[in-house]
Every structure is written in C-alpha cells, then in structure tokens.
Amino acid sequence: MFSFIDNNNVETTNYLNNLNMTYSMLEYSKMVLKKVSFDLKLFCKELEKAISRLMPEEIEELKDWLYQFITDKPELKQSLIYIKA
C-alpha cells in the first residue's frame, strides 16, 4: 500500500497555526497595554514583556501601534525608549 502524505500541506498547516498563535500574542499584548495605560511604570513593564515574547516582525507592528496609541497620551511617551533599543 502507498501512503500519500502531502508534506507541503503539513508545513502549511503548521505555518498557519504558528501565524495564528503569534497574531494572538500580538493582539493579547495590545489588549494588556491598553488596560495598563493608566500607569506608566506598569505600561513599561508590560511593554518589555511584550517585546521579549514577540517575533521581530511583530515588534515592528507593535511599534506602529504604539506610536498611534500614545499620540493623545503624552504621559506614555517615555515608554518609547523600550522600542528604540
């Protein structure tokens, strides 16, 4: 008997699962940052955690989101030092 396993399909499925998980982590990080934005110290701590968990391309997305998010929150501008390093 022959077994037909499509390795490309398995690789695609794994890729999509990883993509979904990482997308979720990015969205989760944004949600947490929104919730703690009332406290600069806590915001910076959560931003550091997010940066340590995300992939480089996700960090770029987080940077874009952060710049937009803090436009009307000048008290959070100090947090930018964590993403410029």
Foldseek 3Di string as FASTA:
>chain_A
DDDDDDVVVVVVVVVVVVVVVQVVLLVVLVVVLVVPVVDQVVNLVSLLVSVVPHDPVSLVVVVVVVVVVCPVPVVNPVSVVSSVD
